[in-house]
N, C-alpha and C. Protein backbone atom coordinates (compact mmCIF):
# COMPACT_ATOMS: atom_id res chain seq x y z
N MET A 1 127.21 -25.75 -84.23
CA MET A 1 125.67 -26.04 -84.86
C MET A 1 125.03 -26.81 -83.84
N GLU A 2 123.75 -26.37 -83.87
CA GLU A 2 122.69 -26.88 -82.64
C GLU A 2 121.77 -27.75 -83.46
N ALA A 3 121.35 -28.71 -82.69
CA ALA A 3 120.18 -29.69 -83.11
C ALA A 3 119.10 -29.78 -82.18
N ILE A 4 117.87 -30.05 -82.55
CA ILE A 4 116.88 -30.32 -81.82
C ILE A 4 116.36 -31.80 -82.09
N TYR A 5 116.24 -32.71 -81.14
CA TYR A 5 115.74 -33.93 -81.43
C TYR A 5 114.41 -34.14 -80.78
N GLU A 6 113.62 -34.82 -81.46
CA GLU A 6 111.99 -35.12 -80.85
C GLU A 6 112.14 -36.57 -80.82
N PHE A 7 111.57 -37.22 -79.60
CA PHE A 7 111.42 -38.53 -79.34
C PHE A 7 110.12 -38.65 -78.78
N ASP A 8 109.43 -39.88 -79.22
CA ASP A 8 108.30 -40.22 -78.68
C ASP A 8 108.47 -41.31 -77.60
N VAL A 9 108.18 -40.91 -76.24
CA VAL A 9 108.67 -41.83 -75.30
C VAL A 9 107.24 -42.08 -74.37
N ARG A 10 107.10 -43.36 -73.98
CA ARG A 10 105.92 -43.48 -73.19
C ARG A 10 106.31 -44.17 -71.93
N ASP A 11 105.43 -43.73 -70.99
CA ASP A 11 105.73 -44.24 -69.55
C ASP A 11 107.06 -44.20 -68.99
N MET A 12 107.83 -42.90 -69.56
CA MET A 12 109.08 -42.74 -68.99
C MET A 12 109.40 -41.17 -69.16
N PRO A 13 108.98 -40.56 -68.07
CA PRO A 13 109.33 -38.87 -68.02
C PRO A 13 110.91 -38.86 -68.09
N VAL A 14 111.38 -37.97 -69.08
CA VAL A 14 112.78 -37.78 -69.26
C VAL A 14 112.95 -36.23 -69.48
N THR A 15 114.12 -35.71 -69.03
CA THR A 15 114.48 -34.17 -69.45
C THR A 15 115.90 -34.45 -69.92
N VAL A 16 116.25 -34.07 -71.22
CA VAL A 16 117.50 -33.86 -71.77
C VAL A 16 118.05 -32.30 -71.78
N ALA A 17 118.98 -32.08 -71.07
CA ALA A 17 119.48 -30.64 -70.99
C ALA A 17 120.88 -30.59 -71.29
N VAL A 18 121.23 -30.16 -72.47
CA VAL A 18 122.81 -30.19 -72.91
C VAL A 18 122.82 -28.81 -73.56
N ASP A 19 124.01 -28.05 -73.00
CA ASP A 19 124.42 -26.67 -73.60
C ASP A 19 124.92 -26.80 -74.81
N ALA A 20 125.18 -25.64 -75.73
CA ALA A 20 125.83 -25.60 -77.02
C ALA A 20 127.13 -26.33 -76.94
N SER A 21 128.01 -26.44 -75.90
CA SER A 21 129.25 -27.03 -75.94
C SER A 21 129.19 -28.51 -75.73
N GLY A 22 128.11 -28.93 -75.49
CA GLY A 22 127.77 -30.51 -75.15
C GLY A 22 127.93 -30.83 -73.63
N ALA A 23 127.91 -29.71 -72.74
CA ALA A 23 127.93 -30.09 -71.20
C ALA A 23 126.47 -30.41 -70.79
N SER A 24 126.35 -31.21 -69.86
CA SER A 24 125.20 -31.57 -69.37
C SER A 24 124.74 -30.63 -68.20
N VAL A 25 123.45 -30.13 -68.31
CA VAL A 25 122.95 -29.20 -67.52
C VAL A 25 122.82 -29.73 -66.15
N HIS A 26 122.40 -31.03 -66.23
CA HIS A 26 122.19 -31.96 -64.90
C HIS A 26 123.30 -31.88 -64.18
N GLU A 27 124.59 -31.90 -64.60
CA GLU A 27 125.72 -32.10 -63.82
C GLU A 27 126.24 -30.50 -63.58
N SER A 28 126.39 -29.47 -64.18
CA SER A 28 126.75 -28.33 -64.00
C SER A 28 125.59 -27.54 -63.19
N GLY A 29 124.27 -27.72 -63.44
CA GLY A 29 123.41 -26.83 -62.65
C GLY A 29 123.46 -26.94 -61.27
N PRO A 30 123.29 -28.12 -60.61
CA PRO A 30 123.46 -28.32 -59.01
C PRO A 30 124.74 -27.74 -58.61
N ARG A 31 125.69 -28.02 -59.11
CA ARG A 31 127.10 -27.63 -58.87
C ARG A 31 126.93 -25.98 -58.66
N GLU A 32 126.48 -25.48 -59.74
CA GLU A 32 126.38 -23.96 -59.99
C GLU A 32 125.62 -23.28 -58.83
N TRP A 33 124.47 -23.97 -58.59
CA TRP A 33 123.40 -23.54 -57.59
C TRP A 33 123.92 -23.60 -56.10
N ARG A 34 124.51 -24.92 -55.94
CA ARG A 34 125.15 -25.00 -54.51
C ARG A 34 126.16 -23.81 -54.22
N ALA A 35 127.04 -23.33 -55.18
CA ALA A 35 127.99 -22.31 -55.01
C ALA A 35 127.32 -21.06 -54.63
N ARG A 36 125.95 -20.79 -55.41
CA ARG A 36 125.42 -19.59 -55.25
C ARG A 36 124.29 -19.55 -53.94
N ILE A 37 123.90 -20.68 -53.70
CA ILE A 37 122.81 -20.68 -52.46
C ILE A 37 123.84 -20.72 -51.20
N GLY A 38 125.01 -21.19 -51.42
CA GLY A 38 126.04 -21.46 -50.20
C GLY A 38 126.41 -20.05 -49.74
N LYS A 39 126.30 -19.18 -50.32
CA LYS A 39 126.84 -17.56 -50.12
C LYS A 39 125.79 -16.82 -49.49
N ILE A 40 124.43 -17.47 -49.47
CA ILE A 40 123.29 -16.57 -48.90
C ILE A 40 123.39 -16.84 -47.26
N PRO A 41 123.41 -15.88 -46.58
CA PRO A 41 123.44 -16.01 -44.95
C PRO A 41 121.98 -16.67 -44.53
N VAL A 42 122.09 -17.51 -43.57
CA VAL A 42 120.95 -18.09 -42.89
C VAL A 42 120.81 -17.41 -41.62
N ALA A 43 119.35 -17.08 -41.48
CA ALA A 43 119.08 -16.10 -40.06
C ALA A 43 118.57 -17.38 -39.18
N THR A 44 119.27 -17.30 -37.98
CA THR A 44 118.67 -18.27 -36.95
C THR A 44 117.92 -17.66 -35.97
N ALA A 45 116.65 -17.97 -35.64
CA ALA A 45 115.67 -17.75 -34.40
C ALA A 45 115.90 -17.84 -33.31
């Protein structure tokens, strides 16, 4: 079951990103992108 919550927040920018299994995208996202970006060859001039 999924839910969407709405909050009125003043003077505090916030992003909440949780997938359907409850995992935080703020934790899994950087780890996943580091793994992907780390495989890209870097050209040196």
